Amino acid sequence: MQKTDEIRDRLINGFTENYMEKLFYFCLKKTGNSVEAEDLIQDISLQVITALSKGTIPTNFSAWVWRITRNRYSVWAKEKHSRNESVTGSDIGDYEIEDEEI
Protein backbone atom coordinates (compact mmCIF):
# COMPACT_ATOMS: atom_id res chain seq x y z
CA MET A 1 0.00 0.00 0.00
CA GLN A 2 2.82 2.38 0.82
CA LYS A 3 4.38 1.81 -2.61
CA THR A 4 1.03 2.68 -4.27
CA ASP A 5 0.86 5.89 -2.21
CA GLU A 6 4.39 6.80 -3.31
CA ILE A 7 3.52 6.18 -6.97
CA ARG A 8 0.33 8.24 -6.62
CA ASP A 9 2.18 11.12 -4.97
CA ARG A 10 4.88 11.03 -7.65
CA LEU A 11 2.26 11.10 -10.42
CA ILE A 12 0.38 14.00 -8.81
CA ASN A 13 3.61 15.97 -8.40
CA GLY A 14 4.57 15.19 -12.00
CA PHE A 15 1.16 16.31 -13.18
CA THR A 16 1.35 19.65 -11.40
CA GLU A 17 4.95 20.30 -12.43
CA ASN A 18 4.83 19.12 -16.05
CA TYR A 19 1.26 19.49 -17.29
CA MET A 20 -0.53 22.42 -15.67
CA GLU A 21 0.99 25.13 -17.85
CA LYS A 22 0.62 23.12 -21.07
CA LEU A 23 -2.98 22.26 -20.26
CA PHE A 24 -3.77 25.87 -19.40
CA TYR A 25 -2.53 27.09 -22.79
CA PHE A 26 -4.45 24.29 -24.52
CA CYS A 27 -7.61 25.36 -22.68
CA LEU A 28 -6.94 29.03 -23.38
CA LYS A 29 -6.60 28.31 -27.09
CA LYS A 30 -9.82 26.27 -27.08
CA THR A 31 -11.93 28.64 -24.97
CA GLY A 32 -10.48 31.97 -26.06
CA ASN A 33 -10.98 33.30 -22.53
CA SER A 34 -8.56 33.09 -19.60
CA VAL A 35 -11.33 32.83 -16.98
CA GLU A 36 -12.99 29.93 -18.80
CA ALA A 37 -9.59 28.33 -19.37
CA GLU A 38 -8.87 28.54 -15.63
CA ASP A 39 -12.24 26.96 -14.83
CA LEU A 40 -11.63 24.20 -17.34
CA ILE A 41 -8.10 23.46 -16.09
CA GLN A 42 -9.46 23.31 -12.56
CA ASP A 43 -12.04 20.73 -13.68
CA ILE A 44 -9.37 18.72 -15.51
CA SER A 45 -7.04 18.81 -12.50
CA LEU A 46 -9.84 17.64 -10.24
CA GLN A 47 -10.56 14.70 -12.56
CA VAL A 48 -6.88 13.68 -12.75
CA ILE A 49 -6.14 14.00 -9.03
CA THR A 50 -9.39 12.29 -8.02
CA ALA A 51 -8.68 9.33 -10.31
CA LEU A 52 -5.12 9.04 -9.02
CA SER A 53 -6.32 9.25 -5.41
CA LYS A 54 -8.77 6.41 -6.06
CA GLY A 55 -5.88 4.20 -7.15
CA THR A 56 -5.79 4.62 -10.92
CA ILE A 57 -2.25 4.04 -12.17
CA PRO A 58 -2.22 4.70 -15.94
CA THR A 59 0.27 2.82 -18.09
CA ASN A 60 0.83 5.83 -20.34
CA PHE A 61 0.42 8.84 -18.08
CA SER A 62 0.73 11.50 -20.76
CA ALA A 63 -1.86 9.93 -23.06
CA TRP A 64 -4.18 9.44 -20.09
CA VAL A 65 -3.92 13.10 -19.02
CA TRP A 66 -4.55 14.37 -22.55
CA ARG A 67 -7.51 12.04 -22.99
CA ILE A 68 -9.07 13.43 -19.81
CA THR A 69 -8.33 16.94 -21.07
CA ARG A 70 -10.03 16.34 -24.41
CA ASN A 71 -13.02 14.67 -22.76
CA ARG A 72 -13.51 17.51 -20.25
CA TYR A 73 -13.15 20.08 -23.04
CA SER A 74 -15.78 18.20 -25.04
CA VAL A 75 -18.20 18.34 -22.09
CA TRP A 76 -17.45 22.05 -21.60
CA ALA A 77 -18.05 22.80 -25.31
CA LYS A 78 -21.38 20.92 -25.32
CA GLU A 79 -22.52 22.76 -22.20
CA LYS A 80 -21.50 26.11 -23.65
CA HIS A 81 -23.30 25.34 -26.91
CA SER A 82 -26.37 24.31 -24.95
CA ARG A 83 -26.32 27.56 -22.93
CA ASN A 84 -25.95 29.62 -26.12
CA GLU A 85 -28.78 27.70 -27.81
CA SER A 86 -31.15 28.42 -24.96
CA VAL A 87 -30.45 32.16 -25.14
CA THR A 88 -30.42 32.58 -28.92
CA GLY A 89 -33.31 30.18 -29.44
CA SER A 90 -35.67 32.31 -27.36
CA ASP A 91 -38.51 34.27 -28.88
CA ILE A 92 -37.57 37.93 -29.14
CA GLY A 93 -41.11 38.76 -28.02
CA ASP A 94 -40.17 37.49 -24.60
CA TYR A 95 -37.84 40.47 -24.25
CA GLU A 96 -39.98 43.27 -25.66
CA ILE A 97 -41.17 45.98 -23.33
CA GLU A 98 -44.62 47.31 -23.99
CA ASP A 99 -44.97 51.03 -24.58
CA GLU A 100 -47.04 52.39 -21.70
CA GLU A 101 -47.91 55.67 -23.48
CA ILE A 102 -50.29 54.06 -25.95
PDB file of N, CA and C in Angstrom:
ATOM      1  N   MET A   1       0.823  -1.193   0.000  1.00  0.00           N
ATOM      2  CA  MET A   1       0.000   0.000   0.000  1.00  0.00           C
ATOM      3  C   MET A   1       0.862   1.250   0.000  1.00  0.00           C
ATOM      4  N   GLN A   2       1.952   1.218   0.740  1.00  0.00           N
ATOM      5  CA  GLN A   2       2.821   2.376   0.820  1.00  0.00           C
ATOM      6  C   GLN A   2       3.457   2.660  -0.539  1.00  0.00           C
ATOM      7  N   LYS A   3       3.787   1.617  -1.289  1.00  0.00           N
ATOM      8  CA  LYS A   3       4.376   1.807  -2.606  1.00  0.00           C
ATOM      9  C   LYS A   3       3.359   2.468  -3.551  1.00  0.00           C
ATOM     10  N   THR A   4       2.091   2.076  -3.462  1.00  0.00           N
ATOM     11  CA  THR A   4       1.034   2.680  -4.267  1.00  0.00           C
ATOM     12  C   THR A   4       0.878   4.155  -3.923  1.00  0.00           C
ATOM     13  N   ASP A   5       0.953   4.487  -2.640  1.00  0.00           N
ATOM     14  CA  ASP A   5       0.865   5.887  -2.214  1.00  0.00           C
ATOM     15  C   ASP A   5       2.036   6.698  -2.770  1.00  0.00           C
ATOM     16  N   GLU A   6       3.213   6.109  -2.776  1.00  0.00           N
ATOM     17  CA  GLU A   6       4.391   6.803  -3.314  1.00  0.00           C
ATOM     18  C   GLU A   6       4.242   7.039  -4.819  1.00  0.00           C
ATOM     19  N   ILE A   7       3.740   6.048  -5.524  1.00  0.00           N
ATOM     20  CA  ILE A   7       3.521   6.184  -6.970  1.00  0.00           C
ATOM     21  C   ILE A   7       2.485   7.274  -7.228  1.00  0.00           C
ATOM     22  N   ARG A   8       1.384   7.230  -6.477  1.00  0.00           N
ATOM     23  CA  ARG A   8       0.332   8.239  -6.622  1.00  0.00           C
ATOM     24  C   ARG A   8       0.879   9.643  -6.369  1.00  0.00           C
ATOM     25  N   ASP A   9       1.617   9.807  -5.293  1.00  0.00           N
ATOM     26  CA  ASP A   9       2.185  11.117  -4.967  1.00  0.00           C
ATOM     27  C   ASP A   9       3.150  11.593  -6.049  1.00  0.00           C
ATOM     28  N   ARG A  10       3.943  10.678  -6.580  1.00  0.00           N
ATOM     29  CA  ARG A  10       4.883  11.034  -7.648  1.00  0.00           C
ATOM     30  C   ARG A  10       4.134  11.459  -8.907  1.00  0.00           C
ATOM     31  N   LEU A  11       3.056  10.749  -9.234  1.00  0.00           N
ATOM     32  CA  LEU A  11       2.258  11.103 -10.416  1.00  0.00           C
ATOM     33  C   LEU A  11       1.558  12.452 -10.240  1.00  0.00           C
ATOM     34  N   ILE A  12       1.028  12.712  -9.061  1.00  0.00           N
ATOM     35  CA  ILE A  12       0.377  14.005  -8.809  1.00  0.00           C
ATOM     36  C   ILE A  12       1.392  15.136  -8.901  1.00  0.00           C
ATOM     37  N   ASN A  13       2.560  14.948  -8.310  1.00  0.00           N
ATOM     38  CA  ASN A  13       3.606  15.970  -8.402  1.00  0.00           C
ATOM     39  C   ASN A  13       4.042  16.177  -9.848  1.00  0.00           C
ATOM     40  N   GLY A  14       4.197  15.085 -10.585  1.00  0.00           N
ATOM     41  CA  GLY A  14       4.570  15.186 -11.999  1.00  0.00           C
ATOM     42  C   GLY A  14       3.507  15.905 -12.807  1.00  0.00           C
ATOM     43  N   PHE A  15       2.258  15.639 -12.487  1.00  0.00           N
ATOM     44  CA  PHE A  15       1.161  16.313 -13.180  1.00  0.00           C
ATOM     45  C   PHE A  15       1.224  17.814 -12.948  1.00  0.00           C
ATOM     46  N   THR A  16       1.347  18.210 -11.695  1.00  0.00           N
ATOM     47  CA  THR A  16       1.349  19.651 -11.396  1.00  0.00           C
ATOM     48  C   THR A  16       2.585  20.343 -11.959  1.00  0.00           C
ATOM     49  N   GLU A  17       3.711  19.679 -11.941  1.00  0.00           N
ATOM     50  CA  GLU A  17       4.947  20.300 -12.427  1.00  0.00           C
ATOM     51  C   GLU A  17       5.054  20.318 -13.953  1.00  0.00           C
ATOM     52  N   ASN A  18       4.581  19.266 -14.613  1.00  0.00           N
ATOM     53  CA  ASN A  18       4.834  19.120 -16.047  1.00  0.00           C
ATOM     54  C   ASN A  18       3.643  19.386 -16.958  1.00  0.00           C
ATOM     55  N   TYR A  19       2.431  19.405 -16.418  1.00  0.00           N
ATOM     56  CA  TYR A  19       1.261  19.487 -17.289  1.00  0.00           C
ATOM     57  C   TYR A  19       0.403  20.728 -17.109  1.00  0.00           C
ATOM     58  N   MET A  20       0.403  21.321 -15.942  1.00  0.00           N
ATOM     59  CA  MET A  20      -0.525  22.420 -15.666  1.00  0.00           C
ATOM     60  C   MET A  20      -0.401  23.566 -16.672  1.00  0.00           C
ATOM     61  N   GLU A  21       0.798  24.007 -16.926  1.00  0.00           N
ATOM     62  CA  GLU A  21       0.990  25.128 -17.852  1.00  0.00           C
ATOM     63  C   GLU A  21       0.590  24.745 -19.277  1.00  0.00           C
ATOM     64  N   LYS A  22       0.982  23.578 -19.723  1.00  0.00           N
ATOM     65  CA  LYS A  22       0.618  23.116 -21.069  1.00  0.00           C
ATOM     66  C   LYS A  22      -0.890  23.000 -21.214  1.00  0.00           C
ATOM     67  N   LEU A  23      -1.536  22.422 -20.214  1.00  0.00           N
ATOM     68  CA  LEU A  23      -2.981  22.258 -20.262  1.00  0.00           C
ATOM     69  C   LEU A  23      -3.693  23.601 -20.213  1.00  0.00           C
ATOM     70  N   PHE A  24      -3.156  24.550 -19.440  1.00  0.00           N
ATOM     71  CA  PHE A  24      -3.773  25.873 -19.398  1.00  0.00           C
ATOM     72  C   PHE A  24      -3.747  26.524 -20.781  1.00  0.00           C
ATOM     73  N   TYR A  25      -2.606  26.475 -21.465  1.00  0.00           N
ATOM     74  CA  TYR A  25      -2.531  27.088 -22.788  1.00  0.00           C
ATOM     75  C   TYR A  25      -3.402  26.356 -23.807  1.00  0.00           C
ATOM     76  N   PHE A  26      -3.521  25.041 -23.666  1.00  0.00           N
ATOM     77  CA  PHE A  26      -4.448  24.289 -24.517  1.00  0.00           C
ATOM     78  C   PHE A  26      -5.870  24.783 -24.289  1.00  0.00           C
ATOM     79  N   CYS A  27      -6.251  24.904 -23.023  1.00  0.00           N
ATOM     80  CA  CYS A  27      -7.606  25.362 -22.681  1.00  0.00           C
ATOM     81  C   CYS A  27      -7.829  26.806 -23.111  1.00  0.00           C
ATOM     82  N   LEU A  28      -6.825  27.633 -22.966  1.00  0.00           N
ATOM     83  CA  LEU A  28      -6.937  29.031 -23.381  1.00  0.00           C
ATOM     84  C   LEU A  28      -7.155  29.122 -24.887  1.00  0.00           C
ATOM     85  N   LYS A  29      -6.433  28.317 -25.631  1.00  0.00           N
ATOM     86  CA  LYS A  29      -6.600  28.314 -27.092  1.00  0.00           C
ATOM     87  C   LYS A  29      -8.005  27.831 -27.465  1.00  0.00           C
ATOM     88  N   LYS A  30      -8.509  26.830 -26.767  1.00  0.00           N
ATOM     89  CA  LYS A  30      -9.821  26.275 -27.084  1.00  0.00           C
ATOM     90  C   LYS A  30     -10.968  27.186 -26.647  1.00  0.00           C
ATOM     91  N   THR A  31     -10.841  27.828 -25.495  1.00  0.00           N
ATOM     92  CA  THR A  31     -11.935  28.644 -24.970  1.00  0.00           C
ATOM     93  C   THR A  31     -11.861  30.088 -25.437  1.00  0.00           C
ATOM     94  N   GLY A  32     -10.650  30.588 -25.661  1.00  0.00           N
ATOM     95  CA  GLY A  32     -10.478  31.974 -26.060  1.00  0.00           C
ATOM     96  C   GLY A  32     -10.671  32.953 -24.910  1.00  0.00           C
ATOM     97  N   ASN A  33     -10.694  32.454 -23.688  1.00  0.00           N
ATOM     98  CA  ASN A  33     -10.975  33.297 -22.532  1.00  0.00           C
ATOM     99  C   ASN A  33     -10.199  32.743 -21.337  1.00  0.00           C
ATOM    100  N   SER A  34      -9.406  33.581 -20.688  1.00  0.00           N
ATOM    101  CA  SER A  34      -8.562  33.087 -19.601  1.00  0.00           C
ATOM    102  C   SER A  34      -9.376  32.614 -18.395  1.00  0.00           C
ATOM    103  N   VAL A  35     -10.499  33.259 -18.117  1.00  0.00           N
ATOM    104  CA  VAL A  35     -11.328  32.829 -16.980  1.00  0.00           C
ATOM    105  C   VAL A  35     -11.917  31.452 -17.249  1.00  0.00           C
ATOM    106  N   GLU A  36     -12.445  31.252 -18.456  1.00  0.00           N
ATOM    107  CA  GLU A  36     -12.993  29.933 -18.797  1.00  0.00           C
ATOM    108  C   GLU A  36     -11.896  28.882 -18.853  1.00  0.00           C
ATOM    109  N   ALA A  37     -10.711  29.264 -19.331  1.00  0.00           N
ATOM    110  CA  ALA A  37      -9.587  28.327 -19.366  1.00  0.00           C
ATOM    111  C   ALA A  37      -9.193  27.913 -17.956  1.00  0.00           C
ATOM    112  N   GLU A  38      -9.190  28.864 -17.022  1.00  0.00           N
ATOM    113  CA  GLU A  38      -8.866  28.542 -15.629  1.00  0.00           C
ATOM    114  C   GLU A  38      -9.911  27.603 -15.031  1.00  0.00           C
ATOM    115  N   ASP A  39     -11.179  27.853 -15.321  1.00  0.00           N
ATOM    116  CA  ASP A  39     -12.236  26.962 -14.826  1.00  0.00           C
ATOM    117  C   ASP A  39     -12.086  25.555 -15.398  1.00  0.00           C
ATOM    118  N   LEU A  40     -11.784  25.494 -16.681  1.00  0.00           N
ATOM    119  CA  LEU A  40     -11.626  24.200 -17.344  1.00  0.00           C
ATOM    120  C   LEU A  40     -10.414  23.450 -16.808  1.00  0.00           C
ATOM    121  N   ILE A  41      -9.295  24.132 -16.606  1.00  0.00           N
ATOM    122  CA  ILE A  41      -8.096  23.464 -16.090  1.00  0.00           C
ATOM    123  C   ILE A  41      -8.327  22.991 -14.657  1.00  0.00           C
ATOM    124  N   GLN A  42      -9.131  23.736 -13.915  1.00  0.00           N
ATOM    125  CA  GLN A  42      -9.462  23.308 -12.556  1.00  0.00           C
ATOM    126  C   GLN A  42     -10.280  22.012 -12.601  1.00  0.00           C
ATOM    127  N   ASP A  43     -11.225  21.934 -13.527  1.00  0.00           N
ATOM    128  CA  ASP A  43     -12.036  20.732 -13.682  1.00  0.00           C
ATOM    129  C   ASP A  43     -11.172  19.544 -14.110  1.00  0.00           C
ATOM    130  N   ILE A  44     -10.271  19.785 -15.041  1.00  0.00           N
ATOM    131  CA  ILE A  44      -9.369  18.722 -15.512  1.00  0.00           C
ATOM    132  C   ILE A  44      -8.482  18.238 -14.365  1.00  0.00           C
ATOM    133  N   SER A  45      -7.912  19.171 -13.624  1.00  0.00           N
ATOM    134  CA  SER A  45      -7.042  18.810 -12.497  1.00  0.00           C
ATOM    135  C   SER A  45      -7.794  17.992 -11.462  1.00  0.00           C
ATOM    136  N   LEU A  46      -9.020  18.383 -11.189  1.00  0.00           N
ATOM    137  CA  LEU A  46      -9.843  17.639 -10.238  1.00  0.00           C
ATOM    138  C   LEU A  46     -10.059  16.207 -10.718  1.00  0.00           C
ATOM    139  N   GLN A  47     -10.346  16.041 -12.005  1.00  0.00           N
ATOM    140  CA  GLN A  47     -10.559  14.699 -12.557  1.00  0.00           C
ATOM    141  C   GLN A  47      -9.301  13.843 -12.436  1.00  0.00           C
ATOM    142  N   VAL A  48      -8.148  14.426 -12.781  1.00  0.00           N
ATOM    143  CA  VAL A  48      -6.881  13.685 -12.746  1.00  0.00           C
ATOM    144  C   VAL A  48      -6.528  13.301 -11.316  1.00  0.00           C
ATOM    145  N   ILE A  49      -6.555  14.261 -10.412  1.00  0.00           N
ATOM    146  CA  ILE A  49      -6.143  14.002  -9.031  1.00  0.00           C
ATOM    147  C   ILE A  49      -7.119  13.059  -8.332  1.00  0.00           C
ATOM    148  N   THR A  50      -8.405  13.198  -8.610  1.00  0.00           N
ATOM    149  CA  THR A  50      -9.392  12.288  -8.022  1.00  0.00           C
ATOM    150  C   THR A  50      -9.147  10.856  -8.489  1.00  0.00           C
ATOM    151  N   ALA A  51      -8.923  10.684  -9.785  1.00  0.00           N
ATOM    152  CA  ALA A  51      -8.675   9.332 -10.310  1.00  0.00           C
ATOM    153  C   ALA A  51      -7.411   8.736  -9.708  1.00  0.00           C
ATOM    154  N   LEU A  52      -6.359   9.533  -9.609  1.00  0.00           N
ATOM    155  CA  LEU A  52      -5.116   9.036  -9.018  1.00  0.00           C
ATOM    156  C   LEU A  52      -5.311   8.691  -7.541  1.00  0.00           C
ATOM    157  N   SER A  53      -6.071   9.500  -6.836  1.00  0.00           N
ATOM    158  CA  SER A  53      -6.322   9.255  -5.411  1.00  0.00           C
ATOM    159  C   SER A  53      -7.137   7.987  -5.182  1.00  0.00           C
ATOM    160  N   LYS A  54      -7.961   7.627  -6.164  1.00  0.00           N
ATOM    161  CA  LYS A  54      -8.766   6.406  -6.056  1.00  0.00           C
ATOM    162  C   LYS A  54      -7.983   5.166  -6.454  1.00  0.00           C
ATOM    163  N   GLY A  55      -6.721   5.349  -6.857  1.00  0.00           N
ATOM    164  CA  GLY A  55      -5.877   4.199  -7.149  1.00  0.00           C
ATOM    165  C   GLY A  55      -5.601   3.940  -8.613  1.00  0.00           C
ATOM    166  N   THR A  56      -6.076   4.799  -9.495  1.00  0.00           N
ATOM    167  CA  THR A  56      -5.786   4.623 -10.922  1.00  0.00           C
ATOM    168  C   THR A  56      -4.301   4.866 -11.168  1.00  0.00           C
ATOM    169  N   ILE A  57      -3.647   3.900 -11.787  1.00  0.00           N
ATOM    170  CA  ILE A  57      -2.247   4.044 -12.173  1.00  0.00           C
ATOM    171  C   ILE A  57      -2.184   3.795 -13.684  1.00  0.00           C
ATOM    172  N   PRO A  58      -2.205   4.874 -14.484  1.00  0.00           N
ATOM    173  CA  PRO A  58      -2.219   4.701 -15.941  1.00  0.00           C
ATOM    174  C   PRO A  58      -0.884   4.161 -16.454  1.00  0.00           C
ATOM    175  N   THR A  59      -0.961   3.360 -17.507  1.00  0.00           N
ATOM    176  CA  THR A  59       0.266   2.817 -18.093  1.00  0.00           C
ATOM    177  C   THR A  59       0.986   3.870 -18.925  1.00  0.00           C
ATOM    178  N   ASN A  60       0.234   4.732 -19.582  1.00  0.00           N
ATOM    179  CA  ASN A  60       0.826   5.834 -20.343  1.00  0.00           C
ATOM    180  C   ASN A  60       0.237   7.128 -19.782  1.00  0.00           C
ATOM    181  N   PHE A  61       0.933   7.706 -18.824  1.00  0.00           N
ATOM    182  CA  PHE A  61       0.415   8.842 -18.076  1.00  0.00           C
ATOM    183  C   PHE A  61       0.078  10.027 -18.978  1.00  0.00           C
ATOM    184  N   SER A  62       0.954  10.353 -19.880  1.00  0.00           N
ATOM    185  CA  SER A  62       0.733  11.501 -20.756  1.00  0.00           C
ATOM    186  C   SER A  62      -0.520  11.331 -21.605  1.00  0.00           C
ATOM    187  N   ALA A  63      -0.667  10.185 -22.229  1.00  0.00           N
ATOM    188  CA  ALA A  63      -1.857   9.929 -23.056  1.00  0.00           C
ATOM    189  C   ALA A  63      -3.120   9.967 -22.205  1.00  0.00           C
ATOM    190  N   TRP A  64      -3.043   9.453 -21.004  1.00  0.00           N
ATOM    191  CA  TRP A  64      -4.177   9.438 -20.088  1.00  0.00           C
ATOM    192  C   TRP A  64      -4.595  10.854 -19.709  1.00  0.00           C
ATOM    193  N   VAL A  65      -3.624  11.706 -19.380  1.00  0.00           N
ATOM    194  CA  VAL A  65      -3.923  13.096 -19.016  1.00  0.00           C
ATOM    195  C   VAL A  65      -4.552  13.834 -20.194  1.00  0.00           C
ATOM    196  N   TRP A  66      -4.004  13.667 -21.378  1.00  0.00           N
ATOM    197  CA  TRP A  66      -4.548  14.370 -22.546  1.00  0.00           C
ATOM    198  C   TRP A  66      -5.920  13.846 -22.940  1.00  0.00           C
ATOM    199  N   ARG A  67      -6.173  12.574 -22.714  1.00  0.00           N
ATOM    200  CA  ARG A  67      -7.511  12.042 -22.993  1.00  0.00           C
ATOM    201  C   ARG A  67      -8.536  12.662 -22.041  1.00  0.00           C
ATOM    202  N   ILE A  68      -8.190  12.764 -20.768  1.00  0.00           N
ATOM    203  CA  ILE A  68      -9.067  13.427 -19.807  1.00  0.00           C
ATOM    204  C   ILE A  68      -9.288  14.880 -20.222  1.00  0.00           C
ATOM    205  N   THR A  69      -8.241  15.534 -20.644  1.00  0.00           N
ATOM    206  CA  THR A  69      -8.332  16.937 -21.069  1.00  0.00           C
ATOM    207  C   THR A  69      -9.293  17.087 -22.235  1.00  0.00           C
ATOM    208  N   ARG A  70      -9.138  16.252 -23.244  1.00  0.00           N
ATOM    209  CA  ARG A  70     -10.027  16.342 -24.414  1.00  0.00           C
ATOM    210  C   ARG A  70     -11.476  16.019 -24.039  1.00  0.00           C
ATOM    211  N   ASN A  71     -11.659  15.026 -23.182  1.00  0.00           N
ATOM    212  CA  ASN A  71     -13.018  14.671 -22.756  1.00  0.00           C
ATOM    213  C   ASN A  71     -13.671  15.801 -21.968  1.00  0.00           C
ATOM    214  N   ARG A  72     -12.949  16.409 -21.040  1.00  0.00           N
ATOM    215  CA  ARG A  72     -13.508  17.508 -20.248  1.00  0.00           C
ATOM    216  C   ARG A  72     -13.769  18.723 -21.133  1.00  0.00           C
ATOM    217  N   TYR A  73     -12.895  18.974 -22.119  1.00  0.00           N
ATOM    218  CA  TYR A  73     -13.148  20.079 -23.041  1.00  0.00           C
ATOM    219  C   TYR A  73     -14.410  19.806 -23.856  1.00  0.00           C
ATOM    220  N   SER A  74     -14.594  18.573 -24.270  1.00  0.00           N
ATOM    221  CA  SER A  74     -15.780  18.202 -25.041  1.00  0.00           C
ATOM    222  C   SER A  74     -17.054  18.461 -24.237  1.00  0.00           C
ATOM    223  N   VAL A  75     -17.043  18.088 -22.965  1.00  0.00           N
ATOM    224  CA  VAL A  75     -18.195  18.335 -22.089  1.00  0.00           C
ATOM    225  C   VAL A  75     -18.419  19.837 -21.950  1.00  0.00           C
ATOM    226  N   TRP A  76     -17.347  20.585 -21.746  1.00  0.00           N
ATOM    227  CA  TRP A  76     -17.447  22.045 -21.604  1.00  0.00           C
ATOM    228  C   TRP A  76     -18.044  22.661 -22.869  1.00  0.00           C
ATOM    229  N   ALA A  77     -17.571  22.243 -24.048  1.00  0.00           N
ATOM    230  CA  ALA A  77     -18.054  22.802 -25.310  1.00  0.00           C
ATOM    231  C   ALA A  77     -19.535  22.492 -25.517  1.00  0.00           C
ATOM    232  N   LYS A  78     -19.961  21.277 -25.194  1.00  0.00           N
ATOM    233  CA  LYS A  78     -21.379  20.920 -25.324  1.00  0.00           C
ATOM    234  C   LYS A  78     -22.234  21.761 -24.394  1.00  0.00           C
ATOM    235  N   GLU A  79     -21.766  21.938 -23.153  1.00  0.00           N
ATOM    236  CA  GLU A  79     -22.524  22.755 -22.201  1.00  0.00           C
ATOM    237  C   GLU A  79     -22.603  24.211 -22.651  1.00  0.00           C
ATOM    238  N   LYS A  80     -21.508  24.726 -23.172  1.00  0.00           N
ATOM    239  CA  LYS A  80     -21.501  26.114 -23.649  1.00  0.00           C
ATOM    240  C   LYS A  80     -22.447  26.257 -24.838  1.00  0.00           C
ATOM    241  N   HIS A  81     -22.410  25.309 -25.749  1.00  0.00           N
ATOM    242  CA  HIS A  81     -23.297  25.345 -26.908  1.00  0.00           C
ATOM    243  C   HIS A  81     -24.754  25.284 -26.453  1.00  0.00           C
ATOM    244  N   SER A  82     -25.014  24.451 -25.481  1.00  0.00           N
ATOM    245  CA  SER A  82     -26.368  24.312 -24.949  1.00  0.00           C
ATOM    246  C   SER A  82     -26.844  25.613 -24.309  1.00  0.00           C
ATOM    247  N   ARG A  83     -25.973  26.268 -23.547  1.00  0.00           N
ATOM    248  CA  ARG A  83     -26.322  27.558 -22.933  1.00  0.00           C
ATOM    249  C   ARG A  83     -26.593  28.606 -24.005  1.00  0.00           C
ATOM    250  N   ASN A  84     -25.763  28.651 -25.038  1.00  0.00           N
ATOM    251  CA  ASN A  84     -25.950  29.622 -26.120  1.00  0.00           C
ATOM    252  C   ASN A  84     -27.228  29.349 -26.894  1.00  0.00           C
ATOM    253  N   GLU A  85     -27.548  28.075 -27.116  1.00  0.00           N
ATOM    254  CA  GLU A  85     -28.781  27.699 -27.811  1.00  0.00           C
ATOM    255  C   GLU A  85     -29.993  28.189 -27.060  1.00  0.00           C
ATOM    256  N   SER A  86     -29.981  28.032 -25.746  1.00  0.00           N
ATOM    257  CA  SER A  86     -31.146  28.416 -24.959  1.00  0.00           C
ATOM    258  C   SER A  86     -31.362  29.920 -24.975  1.00  0.00           C
ATOM    259  N   VAL A  87     -30.309  30.699 -25.086  1.00  0.00           N
ATOM    260  CA  VAL A  87     -30.445  32.156 -25.136  1.00  0.00           C
ATOM    261  C   VAL A  87     -30.831  32.609 -26.534  1.00  0.00           C
ATOM    262  N   THR A  88     -30.146  32.134 -27.554  1.00  0.00           N
ATOM    263  CA  THR A  88     -30.423  32.584 -28.917  1.00  0.00           C
ATOM    264  C   THR A  88     -31.679  31.952 -29.487  1.00  0.00           C
ATOM    265  N   GLY A  89     -32.121  30.847 -28.938  1.00  0.00           N
ATOM    266  CA  GLY A  89     -33.312  30.177 -29.438  1.00  0.00           C
ATOM    267  C   GLY A  89     -34.597  30.750 -28.857  1.00  0.00           C
ATOM    268  N   SER A  90     -34.484  31.715 -27.981  1.00  0.00           N
ATOM    269  CA  SER A  90     -35.672  32.306 -27.359  1.00  0.00           C
ATOM    270  C   SER A  90     -36.420  33.193 -28.343  1.00  0.00           C
ATOM    271  N   ASP A  91     -37.680  33.365 -28.081  1.00  0.00           N
ATOM    272  CA  ASP A  91     -38.510  34.267 -28.878  1.00  0.00           C
ATOM    273  C   ASP A  91     -38.200  35.690 -28.464  1.00  0.00           C
ATOM    274  N   ILE A  92     -37.913  36.548 -29.438  1.00  0.00           N
ATOM    275  CA  ILE A  92     -37.573  37.932 -29.143  1.00  0.00           C
ATOM    276  C   ILE A  92     -38.737  38.645 -28.455  1.00  0.00           C
ATOM    277  N   GLY A  93     -39.945  38.188 -28.678  1.00  0.00           N
ATOM    278  CA  GLY A  93     -41.111  38.762 -28.024  1.00  0.00           C
ATOM    279  C   GLY A  93     -41.064  38.635 -26.517  1.00  0.00           C
ATOM    280  N   ASP A  94     -40.313  37.663 -26.041  1.00  0.00           N
ATOM    281  CA  ASP A  94     -40.172  37.489 -24.599  1.00  0.00           C
ATOM    282  C   ASP A  94     -39.432  38.664 -23.961  1.00  0.00           C
ATOM    283  N   TYR A  95     -38.676  39.400 -24.776  1.00  0.00           N
ATOM    284  CA  TYR A  95     -37.845  40.468 -24.248  1.00  0.00           C
ATOM    285  C   TYR A  95     -38.370  41.851 -24.568  1.00  0.00           C
ATOM    286  N   GLU A  96     -39.458  41.970 -25.297  1.00  0.00           N
ATOM    287  CA  GLU A  96     -39.981  43.274 -25.665  1.00  0.00           C
ATOM    288  C   GLU A  96     -40.680  43.927 -24.476  1.00  0.00           C
ATOM    289  N   ILE A  97     -40.524  45.220 -24.388  1.00  0.00           N
ATOM    290  CA  ILE A  97     -41.175  45.981 -23.330  1.00  0.00           C
ATOM    291  C   ILE A  97     -42.306  46.761 -23.981  1.00  0.00           C
ATOM    292  N   GLU A  98     -43.476  46.633 -23.418  1.00  0.00           N
ATOM    293  CA  GLU A  98     -44.622  47.313 -23.989  1.00  0.00           C
ATOM    294  C   GLU A  98     -44.534  48.800 -23.724  1.00  0.00           C
ATOM    295  N   ASP A  99     -44.960  49.579 -24.702  1.00  0.00           N
ATOM    296  CA  ASP A  99     -44.972  51.033 -24.581  1.00  0.00           C
ATOM    297  C   ASP A  99     -46.178  51.418 -23.744  1.00  0.00           C
ATOM    298  N   GLU A 100     -45.951  52.047 -22.618  1.00  0.00           N
ATOM    299  CA  GLU A 100     -47.040  52.389 -21.704  1.00  0.00           C
ATOM    300  C   GLU A 100     -47.806  53.656 -22.122  1.00  0.00           C
ATOM    301  N   GLU A 101     -47.261  54.425 -23.068  1.00  0.00           N
ATOM    302  CA  GLU A 101     -47.906  55.672 -23.478  1.00  0.00           C
ATOM    303  C   GLU A 101     -49.088  55.445 -24.384  1.00  0.00           C
ATOM    304  N   ILE A 102     -49.213  54.308 -24.995  1.00  0.00           N
ATOM    305  CA  ILE A 102     -50.289  54.057 -25.945  1.00  0.00           C
ATOM    306  C   ILE A 102     -51.552  53.714 -25.261  1.00  0.00           C
TER     307      ILE A 102
END
